[in-house]
Amino acid sequence: MCDAAREMIMTTSGGIRLLGFYSPQKSKKSRGLVVLLHGWEGSVASTYILCTGNALYGRGYDIFRLNFRDHGDSHHLNQGIFYAVLLEEVFEAVHQLCRNAKQKPVFLTGFSLGGNFALRIARKMLQTPIPNLRHVAAISPVLDPAKSTSKIDQYPLIRIYFLKKWIQSLKKKQKLFPAIYDFADLQSLKTVQAVTDRLLQKYSDFKSACEYFKEYSLLEDTIKDLPVPVTIITAKDDPIIPVADFYRLELNHRTNLVIHAFGGHNGFIDGFFLKSWYEQKLADMFDQIILSA
């Protein structure tokens, strides 16, 4: 997949630019296009994105790995900083990719925060249909950002991991736009919640983190009317996303919820070779959808 990849910048109607990598099939006819969305502070080079992309590419699918704003090597492309509420630009990029695919079937797969984006994209299709987007898969999707932030802060190793990556990202943004951003006061903060609070206070119109989190939470009946087939995969032992919230979701007949006893967050390891269960599962599912069309 990586050998076939070429860099592409998706530009929205509002002038936002998102960096992605497109890997078309070279030696065989494409079965369709799979768009992959990474998690928070991940990127198109995250291991789970590369492994899933390689597995699907090997099964005959074109792959497009899309970076969110300020993820991967894309901080220079936009002056504004990343917020998880910025759905419109991601939706527009996915919509463009679907149009460019023409008659090919398109499948959207998101992980963690990317899974949250994928579900919100599916919901937005109620107002703006995407005819050839055939299936949406959300793996370990964030449902309640407030709870997930609290969970991250409860586990020292997870908290330190995300804080380090986030602060590094913000430093990169400040270096590129020094007249606009000064994140020096964030570097001494010890929790993700504290950095979120300070960042929102200084550089957003949100009155509180509670207001911000509510805007992209997906709880209870918020995704009950999805107009496209959806598969949600999660695990009871996910340390970041409480499984109880999945049991309370109101879902229609198009949405399949799969809850595993084990799998952690974006894990689902299967077998001696430590491959993720969902890699081949997604390929099998997409193949079946194409065959049944």
Protein backbone atom coordinates (compact mmCIF):
# COMPACT_ATOMS: atom_id res chain seq x y z
CA MET A 1 0.00 0.00 0.00
CA CYS A 2 2.66 2.53 1.00
CA ASP A 3 4.62 1.89 -2.22
CA ALA A 4 1.52 2.89 -4.19
CA ALA A 5 0.69 5.90 -2.03
CA ARG A 6 0.68 9.42 -3.36
CA GLU A 7 0.16 12.57 -1.33
CA MET A 8 -3.05 14.52 -1.88
CA ILE A 9 -4.42 17.68 -0.30
CA MET A 10 -8.19 17.88 -0.03
CA THR A 11 -9.42 21.50 -0.12
CA THR A 12 -12.88 22.32 1.22
CA SER A 13 -15.26 25.05 0.07
CA GLY A 14 -14.10 27.12 3.06
CA GLY A 15 -10.45 26.84 2.06
CA ILE A 16 -9.47 24.28 4.71
CA ARG A 17 -6.78 21.89 3.51
CA LEU A 18 -6.48 18.33 4.79
CA LEU A 19 -3.54 16.08 3.96
CA GLY A 20 -4.12 12.52 2.84
CA PHE A 21 -2.46 9.63 1.02
CA TYR A 22 -4.13 7.75 -1.81
CA SER A 23 -3.08 4.20 -2.71
CA PRO A 24 -4.81 2.99 -5.89
CA GLN A 25 -4.58 -0.60 -7.03
CA LYS A 26 -1.82 -1.11 -9.57
CA SER A 27 -1.82 -4.72 -10.68
CA LYS A 28 -5.53 -5.59 -10.39
CA LYS A 29 -8.94 -4.04 -10.76
CA SER A 30 -10.10 -2.12 -7.70
CA ARG A 31 -13.01 -3.55 -5.73
CA GLY A 32 -13.78 -0.11 -4.29
CA LEU A 33 -12.35 2.65 -2.13
CA VAL A 34 -11.83 2.52 1.65
CA VAL A 35 -11.34 5.82 3.49
CA LEU A 36 -9.55 5.49 6.85
CA LEU A 37 -9.84 8.01 9.71
CA HIS A 38 -7.31 7.84 12.56
CA GLY A 39 -7.80 8.67 16.23
CA TRP A 40 -6.87 11.77 18.24
CA GLU A 41 -3.15 12.56 18.00
CA GLY A 42 -2.75 9.63 15.61
CA SER A 43 -2.13 10.04 11.90
CA VAL A 44 -2.14 8.26 8.58
CA ALA A 45 1.11 6.61 9.75
CA SER A 46 -0.38 5.12 12.94
CA THR A 47 0.17 1.38 13.18
CA TYR A 48 -3.54 0.48 13.22
CA ILE A 49 -4.13 2.63 10.12
CA LEU A 50 -1.19 1.09 8.22
CA CYS A 51 -2.11 -2.48 9.20
CA THR A 52 -5.77 -2.05 8.27
CA GLY A 53 -4.87 -0.26 5.05
CA ASN A 54 -2.40 -2.97 4.03
CA ALA A 55 -4.91 -5.74 4.74
CA LEU A 56 -7.64 -4.06 2.70
CA TYR A 57 -5.24 -3.08 -0.09
CA GLY A 58 -4.17 -6.72 -0.31
CA ARG A 59 -7.81 -7.68 -0.79
CA GLY A 60 -8.12 -5.39 -3.81
CA TYR A 61 -9.34 -2.06 -2.38
CA ASP A 62 -7.99 1.40 -3.10
CA ILE A 63 -7.07 3.11 0.17
CA PHE A 64 -7.27 6.75 1.19
CA ARG A 65 -5.76 7.63 4.58
CA LEU A 66 -6.94 11.07 5.70
CA ASN A 67 -5.25 13.23 8.32
CA PHE A 68 -7.35 15.50 10.48
CA ARG A 69 -6.20 19.10 10.71
CA ASP A 70 -2.92 19.41 12.68
CA HIS A 71 -2.32 15.66 12.59
CA GLY A 72 0.58 14.03 10.82
CA ASP A 73 2.76 16.53 8.99
CA SER A 74 -0.07 18.95 8.23
CA HIS A 75 0.17 21.75 10.83
CA HIS A 76 1.27 24.26 8.19
CA LEU A 77 -1.80 23.81 6.00
CA ASN A 78 -4.27 25.76 8.14
CA GLN A 79 -3.95 28.70 10.52
CA GLY A 80 -6.70 27.50 12.85
CA ILE A 81 -6.07 24.72 15.33
CA PHE A 82 -7.80 21.35 15.44
CA TYR A 83 -10.99 20.83 17.41
CA ALA A 84 -12.99 17.62 17.40
CA VAL A 85 -16.15 19.59 16.58
CA LEU A 86 -14.82 20.46 13.11
CA LEU A 87 -16.99 17.95 11.30
CA GLU A 88 -17.78 19.95 8.16
CA GLU A 89 -14.25 19.90 6.76
CA VAL A 90 -13.87 16.15 7.26
CA PHE A 91 -17.32 15.52 5.79
CA GLU A 92 -16.48 17.63 2.74
CA ALA A 93 -13.21 15.76 2.21
CA VAL A 94 -14.96 12.38 2.40
CA HIS A 95 -17.74 13.65 0.11
CA GLN A 96 -15.13 14.76 -2.45
CA LEU A 97 -13.42 11.38 -2.31
CA CYS A 98 -16.74 9.65 -2.91
CA ARG A 99 -17.46 11.88 -5.92
CA ASN A 100 -13.99 11.23 -7.31
CA ALA A 101 -14.56 7.48 -6.96
CA LYS A 102 -17.49 7.85 -9.38
CA GLN A 103 -19.23 4.49 -9.67
CA LYS A 104 -16.99 2.64 -7.24
CA PRO A 105 -18.43 1.63 -3.86
CA VAL A 106 -16.85 3.55 -0.98
CA PHE A 107 -16.43 2.34 2.60
CA LEU A 108 -15.56 4.62 5.53
CA THR A 109 -13.73 3.26 8.58
CA GLY A 110 -12.80 5.31 11.64
CA PHE A 111 -10.94 4.48 14.84
CA SER A 112 -11.54 6.05 18.27
CA LEU A 113 -12.10 9.78 17.60
CA GLY A 114 -12.06 8.83 13.91
CA GLY A 115 -14.92 6.45 14.70
CA ASN A 116 -16.79 9.36 16.26
CA PHE A 117 -16.23 11.38 13.08
CA ALA A 118 -17.37 8.44 10.95
CA LEU A 119 -20.65 8.14 12.89
CA ARG A 120 -21.26 11.88 12.66
CA ILE A 121 -20.59 11.73 8.92
CA ALA A 122 -23.17 8.95 8.65
CA ARG A 123 -25.65 11.11 10.59
CA LYS A 124 -24.96 14.15 8.39
CA MET A 125 -25.90 12.04 5.37
CA LEU A 126 -29.51 12.56 6.47
CA GLN A 127 -29.16 16.13 5.15
CA THR A 128 -26.47 15.55 2.50
CA PRO A 129 -26.65 12.03 1.01
CA ILE A 130 -23.54 10.39 -0.44
CA PRO A 131 -24.96 7.77 -2.83
CA ASN A 132 -21.88 5.56 -3.23
CA LEU A 133 -20.85 5.55 0.46
CA ARG A 134 -22.00 2.01 1.08
CA HIS A 135 -20.99 1.25 4.66
CA VAL A 136 -19.51 2.98 7.70
CA ALA A 137 -17.45 1.12 10.30
CA ALA A 138 -16.61 2.69 13.66
CA ILE A 139 -14.03 0.88 15.80
CA SER A 140 -13.80 1.88 19.48
CA PRO A 141 -15.63 5.15 18.71
CA VAL A 142 -15.70 7.92 21.29
CA LEU A 143 -19.28 8.42 22.46
CA ASP A 144 -18.90 10.69 25.49
CA PRO A 145 -15.80 12.92 25.19
CA ALA A 146 -16.13 14.14 28.78
CA LYS A 147 -15.99 10.60 30.14
CA SER A 148 -13.17 9.60 27.80
CA THR A 149 -11.09 12.60 28.84
CA SER A 150 -11.64 11.70 32.48
CA LYS A 151 -10.66 8.07 31.78
CA ILE A 152 -7.46 9.14 30.03
CA ASP A 153 -6.51 11.26 33.02
CA GLN A 154 -7.13 8.35 35.41
CA TYR A 155 -4.43 6.16 33.80
CA PRO A 156 -0.94 7.71 34.20
CA LEU A 157 0.65 5.97 31.21
CA ILE A 158 -2.22 6.84 28.88
CA ARG A 159 -2.39 10.41 30.21
CA ILE A 160 1.35 10.98 29.76
CA TYR A 161 1.27 9.50 26.26
CA PHE A 162 -1.53 11.77 25.03
CA LEU A 163 -0.26 14.87 26.83
CA LYS A 164 3.21 14.48 25.34
CA LYS A 165 1.88 14.08 21.81
CA TRP A 166 -0.60 16.93 22.19
CA ILE A 167 1.94 19.40 23.61
CA GLN A 168 4.40 18.49 20.86
CA SER A 169 1.69 19.16 18.29
CA LEU A 170 0.83 22.52 19.83
CA LYS A 171 4.51 23.51 19.93
CA LYS A 172 4.75 22.77 16.23
CA LYS A 173 1.69 24.95 15.58
CA GLN A 174 3.12 27.81 17.64
CA LYS A 175 6.41 27.68 15.76
CA LEU A 176 4.56 27.96 12.46
CA PHE A 177 2.22 30.75 13.62
CA PRO A 178 4.07 32.59 16.44
CA ALA A 179 2.06 35.79 16.02
CA ILE A 180 -1.17 33.92 16.78
CA TYR A 181 -0.37 31.22 19.31
CA ASP A 182 1.48 31.06 22.60
CA PHE A 183 1.06 27.71 24.31
CA ALA A 184 3.82 28.16 26.90
CA ASP A 185 1.36 28.19 29.80
CA LEU A 186 -0.09 24.83 28.74
CA GLN A 187 3.18 22.95 29.07
CA SER A 188 3.11 22.85 32.87
CA LEU A 189 -0.42 21.45 33.07
CA LYS A 190 -0.67 17.84 34.18
CA THR A 191 -3.98 16.58 32.78
CA VAL A 192 -5.70 16.44 29.41
CA GLN A 193 -8.71 18.10 31.01
CA ALA A 194 -6.63 21.04 32.23
CA VAL A 195 -5.07 21.59 28.79
CA THR A 196 -8.49 21.35 27.18
CA ASP A 197 -9.92 23.93 29.57
CA ARG A 198 -7.08 26.40 29.01
CA LEU A 199 -7.03 25.94 25.24
CA LEU A 200 -10.76 26.50 24.92
CA GLN A 201 -10.59 29.54 27.17
CA LYS A 202 -7.83 31.20 25.14
CA TYR A 203 -8.57 30.17 21.57
CA SER A 204 -12.24 29.28 21.17
CA ASP A 205 -15.74 30.67 21.57
CA PHE A 206 -16.82 27.81 23.84
CA LYS A 207 -17.84 28.87 27.33
CA SER A 208 -16.70 25.59 28.88
CA ALA A 209 -15.32 22.15 28.13
CA CYS A 210 -18.78 20.77 28.94
CA GLU A 211 -20.28 22.81 26.10
CA TYR A 212 -17.48 21.72 23.77
CA PHE A 213 -17.74 18.02 24.61
CA LYS A 214 -21.52 18.06 24.24
CA GLU A 215 -21.24 19.23 20.64
CA TYR A 216 -19.61 16.00 19.47
CA SER A 217 -20.95 13.48 21.96
CA LEU A 218 -22.97 10.54 20.57
CA LEU A 219 -25.21 9.24 23.32
CA GLU A 220 -28.56 7.47 23.57
CA ASP A 221 -30.74 8.51 20.58
CA THR A 222 -28.25 10.75 18.74
CA ILE A 223 -27.47 8.18 16.02
CA LYS A 224 -30.73 6.24 15.97
CA ASP A 225 -31.75 7.31 12.44
CA LEU A 226 -28.55 6.71 10.46
CA PRO A 227 -29.43 6.44 6.73
CA VAL A 228 -26.48 4.21 5.77
CA PRO A 229 -25.49 0.73 6.99
CA VAL A 230 -23.13 1.01 9.94
CA THR A 231 -21.07 -1.42 12.02
CA ILE A 232 -19.89 -0.36 15.47
CA ILE A 233 -17.19 -2.48 17.13
CA THR A 234 -16.15 -2.01 20.75
CA ALA A 235 -14.90 -3.98 23.75
CA LYS A 236 -16.02 -4.33 27.34
CA ASP A 237 -12.46 -3.85 28.56
CA ASP A 238 -11.80 -0.60 26.68
CA PRO A 239 -10.02 1.58 29.28
CA ILE A 240 -11.02 4.87 27.61
CA ILE A 241 -14.61 4.38 26.40
CA PRO A 242 -17.13 2.97 28.91
CA VAL A 243 -19.06 0.06 27.42
CA ALA A 244 -22.21 1.02 29.35
CA ASP A 245 -22.80 3.91 26.94
CA PHE A 246 -23.01 1.48 24.01
CA TYR A 247 -25.76 -0.53 25.68
CA ARG A 248 -27.81 2.65 26.02
CA LEU A 249 -27.60 3.57 22.33
CA GLU A 250 -30.86 3.62 20.37
CA LEU A 251 -30.10 2.13 16.96
CA ASN A 252 -32.10 1.36 13.85
CA HIS A 253 -32.05 -1.79 11.70
CA ARG A 254 -29.16 -0.47 9.56
CA THR A 255 -26.76 -0.37 12.50
CA ASN A 256 -24.97 -3.45 13.82
CA LEU A 257 -23.38 -3.16 17.25
CA VAL A 258 -20.64 -5.69 18.06
CA ILE A 259 -19.39 -5.77 21.67
CA HIS A 260 -16.43 -8.05 22.40
CA ALA A 261 -15.47 -9.17 25.87
CA PHE A 262 -11.83 -8.30 25.17
CA GLY A 263 -10.12 -5.98 22.74
CA GLY A 264 -9.09 -2.92 24.69
CA HIS A 265 -8.97 0.29 22.71
CA ASN A 266 -8.43 -0.28 18.96
CA GLY A 267 -6.91 -3.68 19.81
CA PHE A 268 -8.93 -6.84 19.13
CA ILE A 269 -5.80 -8.98 18.76
CA ASP A 270 -6.48 -12.37 17.20
CA GLY A 271 -4.01 -15.25 17.12
CA PHE A 272 -0.33 -15.92 17.52
CA PHE A 273 0.80 -13.32 14.96
CA LEU A 274 -0.90 -10.50 16.90
CA LYS A 275 -3.02 -9.33 14.00
CA SER A 276 -6.14 -7.34 14.72
CA TRP A 277 -9.34 -9.27 14.27
CA TYR A 278 -11.08 -6.43 12.48
CA GLU A 279 -8.61 -6.19 9.58
CA GLN A 280 -9.87 -9.32 7.83
CA LYS A 281 -13.38 -8.87 9.23
CA LEU A 282 -13.70 -5.52 7.48
CA ALA A 283 -12.45 -6.98 4.19
CA ASP A 284 -14.89 -9.90 4.46
CA MET A 285 -17.76 -7.54 5.25
CA PHE A 286 -16.98 -5.16 2.38
CA ASP A 287 -16.60 -8.11 -0.04
CA GLN A 288 -20.00 -9.43 0.99
CA ILE A 289 -21.63 -6.03 0.50
CA ILE A 290 -20.24 -5.85 -3.03
CA LEU A 291 -21.34 -9.40 -3.86
CA SER A 292 -24.87 -8.80 -2.58
CA ALA A 293 -25.35 -5.55 -4.53
